[in-house]
Structure formats: C-alpha cells, structure tokens
N, C-alpha and C. Protein backbone atom coordinates (compact mmCIF):
# COMPACT_ATOMS: atom_id res chain seq x y z
N MET A 1 0.91 -1.20 0.03
CA MET A 1 -0.03 0.05 -0.10
C MET A 1 0.86 1.29 -0.14
N LYS A 2 0.62 2.13 -0.95
CA LYS A 2 1.40 3.31 -1.06
C LYS A 2 1.27 4.24 0.10
N THR A 3 2.16 4.87 0.65
CA THR A 3 1.94 5.86 1.74
C THR A 3 1.42 7.22 1.20
N PRO A 4 0.30 7.73 1.79
CA PRO A 4 -0.18 9.00 1.37
C PRO A 4 0.70 10.09 1.88
N GLU A 5 0.53 11.27 1.36
CA GLU A 5 1.30 12.45 1.82
C GLU A 5 1.15 12.55 3.40
N ILE A 6 2.23 12.81 3.90
CA ILE A 6 2.30 12.96 5.47
C ILE A 6 2.19 14.41 5.78
N THR A 7 1.08 14.90 6.31
CA THR A 7 0.91 16.36 6.51
C THR A 7 1.88 16.75 7.76
N ASN A 8 2.17 17.99 7.89
CA ASN A 8 2.88 18.52 9.04
C ASN A 8 2.04 18.21 10.30
N HIS A 9 0.77 18.39 10.19
CA HIS A 9 0.04 18.25 11.33
C HIS A 9 0.16 16.76 11.89
N PHE A 10 0.19 15.77 10.85
CA PHE A 10 0.34 14.45 11.29
C PHE A 10 1.60 14.11 11.92
N LYS A 11 2.69 14.83 11.27
CA LYS A 11 4.00 14.57 11.80
C LYS A 11 4.12 15.08 13.35
N GLU A 12 3.48 16.32 13.60
CA GLU A 12 3.33 16.83 14.92
C GLU A 12 2.70 15.88 15.83
N ARG A 13 1.64 15.41 15.44
CA ARG A 13 0.83 14.41 16.27
C ARG A 13 1.68 13.07 16.59
N TRP A 14 2.35 12.70 15.47
CA TRP A 14 3.17 11.50 15.73
C TRP A 14 4.26 11.75 16.78
N MET A 15 4.86 13.03 16.60
CA MET A 15 6.03 13.27 17.68
C MET A 15 5.52 13.30 19.02
N THR A 16 4.24 13.99 19.22
CA THR A 16 3.67 14.21 20.56
C THR A 16 2.93 13.04 21.17
N ARG A 17 2.13 12.26 20.29
CA ARG A 17 1.22 11.20 20.82
C ARG A 17 1.83 9.91 20.57
N VAL A 18 2.77 9.65 19.63
CA VAL A 18 3.27 8.30 19.50
C VAL A 18 4.72 8.25 20.19
N ARG A 19 5.47 9.23 19.83
CA ARG A 19 6.95 9.19 20.41
C ARG A 19 6.92 9.78 21.87
N GLY A 20 5.76 10.48 22.26
CA GLY A 20 5.64 10.91 23.66
C GLY A 20 6.31 12.24 24.00
N LEU A 21 6.64 12.96 22.90
CA LEU A 21 7.35 14.25 23.20
C LEU A 21 6.23 15.21 23.79
N ASN A 22 6.56 16.13 24.75
CA ASN A 22 5.60 17.03 25.21
C ASN A 22 5.34 18.17 24.20
N PHE A 23 6.25 18.50 23.35
CA PHE A 23 6.04 19.46 22.38
C PHE A 23 6.94 19.18 21.25
N ALA A 24 6.40 19.25 20.06
CA ALA A 24 7.16 19.03 18.82
C ALA A 24 7.10 20.31 17.98
N SER A 25 8.28 20.85 17.91
CA SER A 25 8.30 22.18 17.16
C SER A 25 8.66 21.80 15.71
N ARG A 26 8.37 22.77 14.74
CA ARG A 26 8.74 22.65 13.46
C ARG A 26 10.19 22.28 13.33
N LYS A 27 11.08 22.85 14.09
CA LYS A 27 12.43 22.53 14.14
C LYS A 27 12.81 21.22 14.48
N ASP A 28 12.06 20.59 15.48
CA ASP A 28 12.40 19.22 15.81
C ASP A 28 12.01 18.33 14.70
N ILE A 29 10.95 18.66 14.08
CA ILE A 29 10.44 17.72 12.94
C ILE A 29 11.34 17.89 11.80
N ASP A 30 11.82 19.04 11.53
CA ASP A 30 12.73 19.31 10.38
C ASP A 30 13.93 18.68 10.49
N GLN A 31 14.49 18.54 11.70
CA GLN A 31 15.73 17.86 12.08
C GLN A 31 15.63 16.36 11.69
N ILE A 32 14.52 15.64 12.01
CA ILE A 32 14.54 14.24 11.82
C ILE A 32 13.44 13.94 10.64
N ASN A 33 13.25 14.81 9.85
CA ASN A 33 12.14 14.63 8.91
C ASN A 33 12.30 13.35 8.16
N THR A 34 13.37 13.03 7.49
CA THR A 34 13.67 11.73 6.70
C THR A 34 13.33 10.59 7.59
N GLU A 35 13.96 10.58 8.81
CA GLU A 35 13.79 9.42 9.81
C GLU A 35 12.34 9.30 10.12
N LEU A 36 11.55 10.52 10.42
CA LEU A 36 10.28 10.51 10.77
C LEU A 36 9.29 9.86 9.60
N THR A 37 9.66 10.39 8.37
CA THR A 37 8.86 10.06 7.29
C THR A 37 8.89 8.58 7.01
N ILE A 38 10.04 7.90 7.10
CA ILE A 38 10.29 6.53 7.02
C ILE A 38 9.53 5.78 8.04
N GLU A 39 9.67 6.21 9.29
CA GLU A 39 9.01 5.54 10.44
C GLU A 39 7.40 5.54 10.22
N ILE A 40 6.88 6.77 9.74
CA ILE A 40 5.44 6.83 9.51
C ILE A 40 5.05 5.93 8.41
N ALA A 41 5.90 6.01 7.25
CA ALA A 41 5.53 5.24 6.13
C ALA A 41 5.59 3.66 6.47
N ASN A 42 6.49 3.34 7.16
CA ASN A 42 6.52 1.89 7.57
C ASN A 42 5.27 1.36 8.48
N ALA A 43 4.92 2.33 9.41
CA ALA A 43 3.76 2.10 10.14
C ALA A 43 2.50 2.03 9.35
N PHE A 44 2.38 2.85 8.40
CA PHE A 44 1.27 2.95 7.70
C PHE A 44 1.16 1.77 6.71
N GLU A 45 2.32 1.16 6.19
CA GLU A 45 2.32 0.04 5.25
C GLU A 45 1.85 -1.20 6.13
N GLN A 46 2.16 -1.16 7.44
CA GLN A 46 1.81 -2.43 8.32
C GLN A 46 0.37 -2.17 8.84
N SER A 47 -0.25 -0.99 8.70
CA SER A 47 -1.49 -0.82 9.37
C SER A 47 -2.74 -1.57 8.65
N GLN A 48 -3.77 -1.74 9.28
CA GLN A 48 -4.90 -2.23 8.73
C GLN A 48 -6.16 -1.26 8.79
N LEU A 49 -6.81 -1.30 7.67
CA LEU A 49 -7.94 -0.40 7.66
C LEU A 49 -9.03 -0.92 8.54
N ILE A 50 -9.52 -0.10 9.37
CA ILE A 50 -10.64 -0.38 10.26
C ILE A 50 -11.93 -0.10 9.60
N VAL A 51 -12.06 1.16 9.14
CA VAL A 51 -13.34 1.47 8.48
C VAL A 51 -13.27 2.85 7.73
N GLN A 52 -14.05 3.12 6.75
CA GLN A 52 -14.11 4.32 6.15
C GLN A 52 -15.47 4.98 6.38
N ASP A 53 -15.48 6.00 7.25
CA ASP A 53 -16.72 6.56 7.63
C ASP A 53 -16.47 7.88 8.35
N ALA A 54 -17.60 8.53 8.73
CA ALA A 54 -17.59 9.67 9.65
C ALA A 54 -17.91 9.15 11.02
N LEU A 55 -16.88 8.99 11.99
CA LEU A 55 -17.23 8.27 13.28
C LEU A 55 -17.46 9.24 14.45
N THR A 56 -16.87 10.52 14.25
CA THR A 56 -17.01 11.30 15.44
C THR A 56 -18.01 12.42 15.19
N ASP A 57 -18.34 13.22 16.39
CA ASP A 57 -19.26 14.30 16.12
C ASP A 57 -18.54 15.56 15.49
N THR A 58 -17.23 15.57 15.62
CA THR A 58 -16.48 16.63 15.10
C THR A 58 -16.06 16.48 13.60
N VAL A 59 -16.04 15.29 13.15
CA VAL A 59 -15.57 14.96 11.76
C VAL A 59 -16.85 14.36 11.01
N THR A 60 -17.36 15.18 10.23
CA THR A 60 -18.70 14.86 9.57
C THR A 60 -18.51 14.30 8.17
N SER A 61 -17.28 14.48 7.58
CA SER A 61 -17.08 13.88 6.38
C SER A 61 -16.35 12.60 6.54
N LYS A 62 -16.55 11.64 5.41
CA LYS A 62 -15.80 10.37 5.63
C LYS A 62 -14.28 10.52 5.54
N THR A 63 -13.73 9.72 6.46
CA THR A 63 -12.37 9.49 6.54
C THR A 63 -11.98 8.06 6.67
N ASN A 64 -10.76 7.68 6.40
CA ASN A 64 -10.37 6.31 6.68
C ASN A 64 -9.54 6.16 8.00
N TYR A 65 -9.88 5.10 8.77
CA TYR A 65 -9.16 4.96 10.09
C TYR A 65 -8.46 3.58 9.95
N TYR A 66 -7.12 3.78 10.08
CA TYR A 66 -6.17 2.66 10.04
C TYR A 66 -5.74 2.36 11.48
N LEU A 67 -5.36 0.98 11.69
CA LEU A 67 -4.72 0.67 12.97
C LEU A 67 -3.37 0.18 12.85
N TYR A 68 -2.53 0.80 13.49
CA TYR A 68 -1.12 0.22 13.50
C TYR A 68 -0.77 0.09 15.08
N GLN A 69 -0.61 -1.19 15.54
CA GLN A 69 -0.49 -1.45 16.90
C GLN A 69 -1.62 -0.96 17.74
N ASP A 70 -1.31 0.02 18.52
CA ASP A 70 -2.31 0.87 19.26
C ASP A 70 -2.62 2.11 18.81
N ILE A 71 -2.26 2.45 17.57
CA ILE A 71 -2.33 3.80 17.07
C ILE A 71 -3.29 3.86 15.92
N ILE A 72 -4.18 4.87 15.98
CA ILE A 72 -5.14 5.13 14.89
C ILE A 72 -4.57 6.05 13.96
N MET A 73 -4.52 5.74 12.76
CA MET A 73 -3.98 6.73 11.70
C MET A 73 -5.23 7.01 10.85
N VAL A 74 -5.45 8.45 10.57
CA VAL A 74 -6.51 8.90 9.90
C VAL A 74 -6.06 9.47 8.57
N THR A 75 -6.75 8.97 7.47
CA THR A 75 -6.49 9.64 6.11
C THR A 75 -7.70 10.28 5.59
N ASP A 76 -7.52 11.08 4.58
CA ASP A 76 -8.66 11.57 3.79
C ASP A 76 -9.40 10.31 3.08
N VAL A 77 -10.58 10.62 2.61
CA VAL A 77 -11.34 9.47 2.08
C VAL A 77 -10.62 8.82 0.79
N ASN A 78 -9.85 9.76 0.13
CA ASN A 78 -9.21 9.10 -1.22
C ASN A 78 -7.70 8.53 -0.76
N ILE A 79 -7.39 8.67 0.48
CA ILE A 79 -6.11 8.05 0.95
C ILE A 79 -4.90 8.65 0.23
N LYS A 80 -5.15 10.07 0.09
CA LYS A 80 -4.09 10.90 -0.40
C LYS A 80 -3.27 11.59 0.59
N ARG A 81 -3.84 11.78 1.85
CA ARG A 81 -3.12 12.55 2.93
C ARG A 81 -3.29 11.76 4.30
N LEU A 82 -2.22 11.72 4.96
CA LEU A 82 -2.28 11.27 6.40
C LEU A 82 -2.75 12.59 7.17
N ILE A 83 -3.79 12.52 7.80
CA ILE A 83 -4.26 13.73 8.54
C ILE A 83 -3.94 13.86 9.99
N THR A 84 -4.13 12.76 10.66
CA THR A 84 -3.78 12.84 12.10
C THR A 84 -3.56 11.43 12.61
N CYS A 85 -3.15 11.42 13.91
CA CYS A 85 -2.94 10.07 14.53
C CYS A 85 -3.11 10.23 16.03
N TYR A 86 -3.43 9.11 16.70
CA TYR A 86 -3.64 9.08 18.21
C TYR A 86 -3.63 7.71 18.69
N ARG A 87 -3.23 7.63 19.98
CA ARG A 87 -3.19 6.15 20.60
C ARG A 87 -4.53 5.92 21.15
N ILE A 88 -4.86 4.69 20.97
CA ILE A 88 -6.11 4.24 21.42
C ILE A 88 -6.09 4.29 23.06
N SER A 89 -6.96 5.00 23.67
CA SER A 89 -6.87 5.14 25.05
C SER A 89 -8.10 4.56 25.76
N LEU A 90 -7.84 3.45 26.39
CA LEU A 90 -8.83 2.73 27.31
C LEU A 90 -8.36 2.76 28.71
N PRO A 91 -9.44 2.74 29.66
CA PRO A 91 -9.01 2.79 31.08
C PRO A 91 -8.60 1.35 31.61
N PHE A 92 -7.75 0.74 30.91
CA PHE A 92 -7.40 -0.71 31.48
C PHE A 92 -5.73 -0.66 31.18
N PRO A 93 -5.14 -1.57 32.09
CA PRO A 93 -3.78 -1.77 31.83
C PRO A 93 -3.36 -2.33 30.38
N GLU A 94 -2.09 -2.32 30.05
CA GLU A 94 -1.71 -2.67 28.72
C GLU A 94 -2.17 -3.95 28.21
N PRO A 95 -1.94 -5.06 29.01
CA PRO A 95 -2.18 -6.37 28.37
C PRO A 95 -3.79 -6.45 27.87
N ILE A 96 -4.55 -5.83 28.71
CA ILE A 96 -6.06 -5.85 28.55
C ILE A 96 -6.33 -5.09 27.16
N VAL A 97 -5.77 -3.86 27.08
CA VAL A 97 -5.96 -3.03 25.96
C VAL A 97 -5.53 -3.68 24.68
N SER A 98 -4.37 -4.41 24.64
CA SER A 98 -4.00 -5.09 23.51
C SER A 98 -4.93 -6.21 23.12
N ASN A 99 -5.45 -6.92 24.10
CA ASN A 99 -6.39 -7.98 24.04
C ASN A 99 -7.74 -7.38 23.40
N ILE A 100 -8.16 -6.23 23.88
CA ILE A 100 -9.38 -5.51 23.30
C ILE A 100 -9.19 -5.25 21.88
N ILE A 101 -7.97 -4.61 21.62
CA ILE A 101 -7.76 -4.30 20.17
C ILE A 101 -7.83 -5.44 19.29
N GLU A 102 -7.12 -6.49 19.79
CA GLU A 102 -6.97 -7.73 18.82
C GLU A 102 -8.33 -8.37 18.66
N THR A 103 -9.26 -8.39 19.84
CA THR A 103 -10.55 -9.03 19.73
C THR A 103 -11.49 -8.16 18.75
N THR A 104 -11.22 -6.89 19.01
CA THR A 104 -12.22 -5.98 18.17
C THR A 104 -11.82 -6.09 16.66
N MET A 105 -10.51 -6.15 16.44
CA MET A 105 -10.10 -6.28 14.95
C MET A 105 -10.46 -7.66 14.42
N SER A 106 -10.46 -8.62 15.20
CA SER A 106 -11.06 -9.96 14.86
C SER A 106 -12.42 -9.91 14.45
N LYS A 107 -13.29 -9.29 15.26
CA LYS A 107 -14.60 -9.15 14.96
C LYS A 107 -14.89 -8.29 13.75
N ILE A 108 -14.28 -7.20 13.72
CA ILE A 108 -14.32 -6.41 12.48
C ILE A 108 -13.93 -7.20 11.13
N ASP A 109 -12.89 -7.99 11.13
CA ASP A 109 -12.50 -8.82 10.09
C ASP A 109 -13.52 -9.87 9.81
N GLU A 110 -14.02 -10.50 10.90
CA GLU A 110 -15.22 -11.48 10.73
C GLU A 110 -16.41 -10.89 10.10
N LEU A 111 -16.82 -9.76 10.52
CA LEU A 111 -17.90 -9.01 9.94
C LEU A 111 -17.72 -8.59 8.49
N ARG A 112 -16.52 -8.16 8.20
CA ARG A 112 -16.16 -7.93 6.85
C ARG A 112 -16.26 -9.21 5.93
N ARG A 113 -15.76 -10.25 6.36
CA ARG A 113 -15.88 -11.51 5.66
C ARG A 113 -17.38 -11.87 5.37
N MET A 114 -18.09 -11.77 6.47
CA MET A 114 -19.58 -11.98 6.37
C MET A 114 -20.21 -11.09 5.39
N ILE A 115 -19.97 -9.82 5.32
CA ILE A 115 -20.44 -8.90 4.41
C ILE A 115 -19.96 -9.28 3.01
N HIS A 116 -18.76 -9.62 2.82
CA HIS A 116 -18.30 -10.07 1.54
C HIS A 116 -19.01 -11.20 1.02
N ASP A 117 -19.21 -12.28 1.85
CA ASP A 117 -19.93 -13.50 1.58
C ASP A 117 -21.34 -13.21 1.26
N ARG A 118 -21.90 -12.50 2.02
CA ARG A 118 -23.40 -11.95 1.86
C ARG A 118 -23.44 -11.22 0.51
N HIS A 119 -22.60 -10.29 0.28
CA HIS A 119 -22.68 -9.53 -0.98
C HIS A 119 -22.40 -10.60 -2.20
N THR A 120 -21.44 -11.52 -2.03
CA THR A 120 -21.21 -12.50 -3.17
C THR A 120 -22.45 -13.15 -3.44
N GLU A 121 -23.17 -13.56 -2.27
CA GLU A 121 -24.44 -14.30 -2.53
C GLU A 121 -25.44 -13.52 -2.98
N LEU A 122 -25.58 -12.09 -2.68
CA LEU A 122 -26.73 -11.38 -3.08
C LEU A 122 -26.45 -10.56 -4.41
N ILE A 123 -25.26 -10.42 -4.86
CA ILE A 123 -25.05 -9.69 -6.08
C ILE A 123 -25.89 -10.16 -7.22
N PRO A 124 -26.02 -11.52 -7.64
CA PRO A 124 -26.86 -11.85 -8.69
C PRO A 124 -28.33 -11.47 -8.44
N LYS A 125 -28.81 -11.63 -7.14
CA LYS A 125 -30.14 -11.10 -6.90
C LYS A 125 -30.34 -9.66 -7.05
N TRP A 126 -29.21 -8.93 -6.57
CA TRP A 126 -29.30 -7.31 -6.80
C TRP A 126 -29.33 -7.05 -8.26
N GLN A 127 -28.51 -7.79 -8.86
CA GLN A 127 -28.37 -7.39 -10.57
C GLN A 127 -29.82 -7.72 -11.06
N LEU A 128 -30.52 -8.91 -10.74
CA LEU A 128 -31.78 -9.24 -11.20
C LEU A 128 -32.72 -8.14 -10.84
N THR A 129 -32.66 -7.73 -9.63
CA THR A 129 -33.60 -6.73 -8.97
C THR A 129 -33.37 -5.48 -9.72
N ASN A 130 -32.13 -5.02 -9.93
CA ASN A 130 -31.87 -3.81 -10.72
C ASN A 130 -32.49 -3.91 -12.18
N SER A 131 -32.38 -5.04 -12.74
CA SER A 131 -32.84 -5.34 -14.14
C SER A 131 -34.29 -5.18 -14.16
N ILE A 132 -35.05 -5.82 -13.13
CA ILE A 132 -36.47 -5.74 -13.03
C ILE A 132 -36.97 -4.37 -12.60
N VAL A 133 -36.27 -3.58 -11.85
CA VAL A 133 -36.53 -2.22 -11.59
C VAL A 133 -36.42 -1.43 -12.84
N THR A 134 -35.44 -1.55 -13.57
CA THR A 134 -35.24 -0.89 -14.74
C THR A 134 -36.37 -0.98 -15.82
N GLU A 135 -36.72 -2.40 -15.88
CA GLU A 135 -37.78 -2.73 -16.80
C GLU A 135 -39.10 -2.08 -16.29
N LYS A 136 -39.40 -2.13 -14.98
CA LYS A 136 -40.65 -1.53 -14.44
C LYS A 136 -40.65 -0.08 -14.60
N GLU A 137 -39.56 0.55 -14.50
CA GLU A 137 -39.48 2.01 -14.66
C GLU A 137 -39.75 2.30 -16.25
N GLN A 138 -39.11 1.46 -17.07
CA GLN A 138 -39.49 1.77 -18.53
C GLN A 138 -40.97 1.54 -18.80
N GLU A 139 -41.61 0.52 -18.21
CA GLU A 139 -43.01 0.15 -18.36
C GLU A 139 -43.80 1.43 -17.96
N ILE A 140 -43.43 1.97 -16.71
CA ILE A 140 -44.00 3.21 -16.20
C ILE A 140 -44.03 4.25 -17.10
N GLU A 141 -42.92 4.48 -17.70
CA GLU A 141 -42.66 5.52 -18.75
C GLU A 141 -43.52 5.41 -19.91
N GLU A 142 -43.56 4.10 -20.41
CA GLU A 142 -44.39 3.78 -21.59
C GLU A 142 -45.84 4.06 -21.16
N LEU A 143 -46.31 3.61 -20.01
CA LEU A 143 -47.61 3.76 -19.59
C LEU A 143 -47.95 5.33 -19.37
N GLN A 144 -47.05 5.98 -18.89
CA GLN A 144 -47.16 7.33 -18.59
C GLN A 144 -47.36 8.07 -20.00
N SER A 145 -46.52 7.66 -21.01
CA SER A 145 -46.67 8.27 -22.23
C SER A 145 -47.98 8.09 -22.97
N ASN A 146 -48.37 6.69 -22.75
CA ASN A 146 -49.83 6.32 -23.23
C ASN A 146 -50.93 7.24 -22.44
N ILE A 147 -50.75 7.41 -21.20
CA ILE A 147 -51.66 8.03 -20.45
C ILE A 147 -51.71 9.50 -21.00
N ASP A 148 -50.60 10.08 -21.07
CA ASP A 148 -50.44 11.47 -21.67
C ASP A 148 -51.15 11.60 -23.10
N ARG A 149 -50.81 10.54 -23.99
CA ARG A 149 -51.48 10.56 -25.34
C ARG A 149 -52.99 10.41 -25.07
N ILE A 150 -53.47 9.56 -24.23
CA ILE A 150 -54.88 9.41 -24.11
C ILE A 150 -55.51 10.62 -23.46
N LYS A 151 -54.82 11.26 -22.60
CA LYS A 151 -55.42 12.58 -22.05
C LYS A 151 -55.45 13.66 -23.16
N ASP A 152 -54.46 13.64 -23.99
CA ASP A 152 -54.54 14.51 -25.14
C ASP A 152 -55.69 14.31 -25.99
N GLU A 153 -55.89 12.97 -26.44
CA GLU A 153 -57.01 12.53 -27.24
C GLU A 153 -58.38 13.00 -26.53
N LEU A 154 -58.50 12.70 -25.20
CA LEU A 154 -59.74 13.03 -24.49
C LEU A 154 -59.91 14.50 -24.53
N ALA A 155 -59.00 15.31 -24.32
CA ALA A 155 -59.18 16.70 -24.29
C ALA A 155 -59.60 17.23 -25.70
N ALA A 156 -59.00 16.53 -26.76
CA ALA A 156 -59.42 16.87 -28.13
C ALA A 156 -60.87 16.55 -28.38
N ILE A 157 -61.29 15.43 -27.85
CA ILE A 157 -62.69 14.90 -28.03
C ILE A 157 -63.67 15.87 -27.25
N ARG A 158 -63.20 16.16 -26.00
CA ARG A 158 -64.07 17.07 -25.21
C ARG A 158 -64.25 18.41 -25.82
N LYS A 159 -63.13 18.97 -26.43
CA LYS A 159 -63.12 20.15 -27.17
C LYS A 159 -64.15 20.14 -28.26
N GLU A 160 -63.99 19.05 -29.11
CA GLU A 160 -64.83 18.88 -30.32
C GLU A 160 -66.18 18.77 -29.87
N ASP A 161 -66.56 18.05 -28.73
CA ASP A 161 -67.94 17.89 -28.27
C ASP A 161 -68.53 19.22 -27.86
N ARG A 162 -67.70 20.14 -27.09
CA ARG A 162 -68.03 21.33 -26.73
C ARG A 162 -68.43 22.18 -27.82
N GLU A 163 -67.62 22.08 -28.89
CA GLU A 163 -67.79 22.94 -30.14
C GLU A 163 -68.92 22.56 -30.82
N SER A 164 -69.31 21.17 -31.00
CA SER A 164 -70.44 20.54 -31.65
C SER A 164 -71.74 21.05 -30.85
N ARG A 165 -71.68 20.93 -29.48
CA ARG A 165 -72.88 21.30 -28.70
C ARG A 165 -73.03 22.78 -28.77
N ALA A 166 -72.06 23.54 -28.86
CA ALA A 166 -72.20 25.05 -29.02
C ALA A 166 -72.89 25.29 -30.38
N GLU A 167 -72.44 24.54 -31.36
CA GLU A 167 -73.00 24.78 -32.69
C GLU A 167 -74.52 24.34 -32.70
N SER A 168 -74.79 23.36 -31.99
CA SER A 168 -76.20 22.83 -31.94
C SER A 168 -77.08 23.87 -31.10
N ASP A 169 -76.43 24.37 -30.02
CA ASP A 169 -77.21 25.47 -29.21
C ASP A 169 -77.37 26.66 -30.08
N ARG A 170 -76.35 27.02 -30.89
CA ARG A 170 -76.58 28.24 -31.81
C ARG A 170 -77.77 27.91 -32.76
N MET A 171 -77.78 26.75 -33.39
CA MET A 171 -78.78 26.32 -34.31
C MET A 171 -80.22 26.37 -33.60
N TYR A 172 -80.35 25.90 -32.28
CA TYR A 172 -81.63 25.84 -31.58
C TYR A 172 -81.97 27.22 -31.37
N ASP A 173 -80.98 28.18 -30.99
CA ASP A 173 -81.34 29.52 -30.75
C ASP A 173 -81.98 30.18 -31.93
N GLU A 174 -81.34 29.77 -33.02
CA GLU A 174 -81.91 30.35 -34.31
C GLU A 174 -83.34 29.78 -34.56
N ILE A 175 -83.48 28.51 -34.27
CA ILE A 175 -84.85 27.88 -34.47
C ILE A 175 -85.78 28.71 -33.47
N LYS A 176 -85.53 29.04 -32.30
CA LYS A 176 -86.36 29.84 -31.43
C LYS A 176 -86.73 31.14 -31.87
N GLU A 177 -85.72 31.73 -32.55
CA GLU A 177 -85.82 33.11 -33.10
C GLU A 177 -87.08 32.95 -34.27
N TYR A 178 -86.90 31.99 -35.19
CA TYR A 178 -87.80 31.71 -36.21
C TYR A 178 -89.18 31.44 -35.57
N ALA A 179 -89.14 30.59 -34.64
CA ALA A 179 -90.49 30.18 -33.96
C ALA A 179 -91.25 31.27 -33.40
N ARG A 180 -90.44 32.22 -32.84
CA ARG A 180 -91.03 33.52 -32.31
C ARG A 180 -91.80 34.30 -33.24
N ILE A 181 -91.05 34.33 -34.45
CA ILE A 181 -91.65 35.15 -35.53
C ILE A 181 -93.13 34.47 -35.89
N LEU A 182 -93.04 33.18 -36.08
CA LEU A 182 -94.27 32.40 -36.47
C LEU A 182 -95.32 32.36 -35.24
N CYS A 183 -94.85 32.31 -34.08
CA CYS A 183 -95.80 31.84 -33.02
C CYS A 183 -96.20 33.13 -32.33
N ASN A 184 -95.53 34.16 -32.43
CA ASN A 184 -95.95 35.50 -31.77
C ASN A 184 -96.75 36.37 -32.78
N SER A 185 -97.83 35.90 -33.26
CA SER A 185 -98.60 36.57 -34.13
C SER A 185 -99.36 37.80 -33.38
N MET A 186 -99.80 38.75 -34.04
CA MET A 186 -100.55 39.95 -33.44
C MET A 186 -101.80 39.42 -32.80
N ALA A 187 -102.52 38.53 -33.54
CA ALA A 187 -103.69 37.97 -33.02
C ALA A 187 -103.56 37.29 -31.72
N LEU A 188 -102.49 36.54 -31.50
CA LEU A 188 -102.21 35.78 -30.32
C LEU A 188 -102.02 36.79 -29.22
N LYS A 189 -101.15 37.83 -29.50
CA LYS A 189 -100.71 38.80 -28.54
C LYS A 189 -102.13 39.60 -27.98
N GLN A 190 -102.92 39.83 -28.85
CA GLN A 190 -104.25 40.47 -28.51
C GLN A 190 -105.10 39.69 -27.69
N ASP A 191 -105.09 38.32 -28.06
CA ASP A 191 -106.00 37.36 -27.23
C ASP A 191 -105.39 37.29 -25.73
N ILE A 192 -104.06 37.25 -25.71
CA ILE A 192 -103.42 37.20 -24.41
C ILE A 192 -103.74 38.49 -23.50
N ILE A 193 -103.75 39.68 -24.28
CA ILE A 193 -104.06 40.89 -23.57
C ILE A 193 -105.54 40.88 -23.23
N ASP A 194 -106.34 40.33 -24.03
CA ASP A 194 -107.76 40.32 -23.76
C ASP A 194 -108.13 39.20 -22.81
N GLY A 195 -107.24 38.28 -22.56
CA GLY A 195 -107.54 37.18 -21.60
C GLY A 195 -108.19 36.08 -22.10
N ILE A 196 -108.23 35.88 -23.48
CA ILE A 196 -108.91 34.91 -24.09
C ILE A 196 -108.13 33.56 -24.14
N CYS A 197 -106.87 33.60 -24.22
CA CYS A 197 -105.92 32.50 -24.12
C CYS A 197 -106.04 31.70 -23.14
C-alpha cells in the first residue's frame, strides 16, 4: 500500500502522541524529517483499515481509520493524505488494551468476511432486481406516455364535443328566433291581452 502524503499536522501528532514528546516544534520535525517520514511510512504500510466513515461528532465527512499496533492513523477519504494520529486510550492496563484491540479487529475482520460472503451471494439477486426495476421504470414511462397521449385525445374529444354542442345550441337559438316570428302573431298577443288564451 502506497503511503499517502504525510501532513505536517500528522508529523506533529506522531511526535507528541506516538513518540511521547511534550512538544514537537517545526525545528524538531525538520531535524528528523527523513527518519520520521520513513517511520510513519513503515507504520502505515503495516496498518490495517478499520473503516471508512465519519465516526465522530467533530468529523462529519468520511475519512479512513487505520490501526497500527495501538495507534489510529486517519487519512482523507481518497487516501491521499495522512491527517492525524492518536493512541487508543482505554481505562485498562496494557495487556487488556492489547487484547481488546485484537478481539475488536478480529470481530471487524469476521464481519467484513460475512459482508463479503453475503454480497457475493446477493449480487446476482441485486443485479436481477436492478434489471427488474429498470424494466418496470420503462413500463411506467411507456404507460405514462400512453396516459399522456390518451389525455390529449380525451381533451381533443371534449373540445370537439363542446364545439359541436355550442353549434347545436346556436342552431336551436336560431330555431327559437324563427319560431317566435311564427308563433308570436299579433292576434295571439291581442288574445293574451284580452285574456282569451
């Protein structure tokens, strides 16, 4: 595994947290830069990936967490830069801490194998499911296209129906006008006035 760029912040943390210096100045780091770079690169090459995620309240973007002995080494998500490091701090004596680290890493490895086996088992099913989903989405698009076409046809039919009804209504209104001419004779009006009708 290629060692990512080692940031100055990482080097400072390595000096104080791993080597146990109370204070690591830029001068201290510059004096042993080559030695320090080799030490960190060797540690990173021997480290194991724990997880890629955002695990703390303060770090909200995904980062990679690696374990080297009892040291957590954090890289950016693309493993381009070593960002920081710190020792695992548990309230137990050393042999118990080592045992907890070993047991925890064994459990992580076991879960990784189980996930891998499960994915291997499920990938054909997921591929089939994706294929079915794609097919159903295409069916929905086709049906939606048909629905849109039918709605347009229905709108055209309704418009034609409204226009033909309006034409019929206009014709009927014309019939009523002619009927008034015929039916509203002067004699009838006089009979209505005279109360004979």
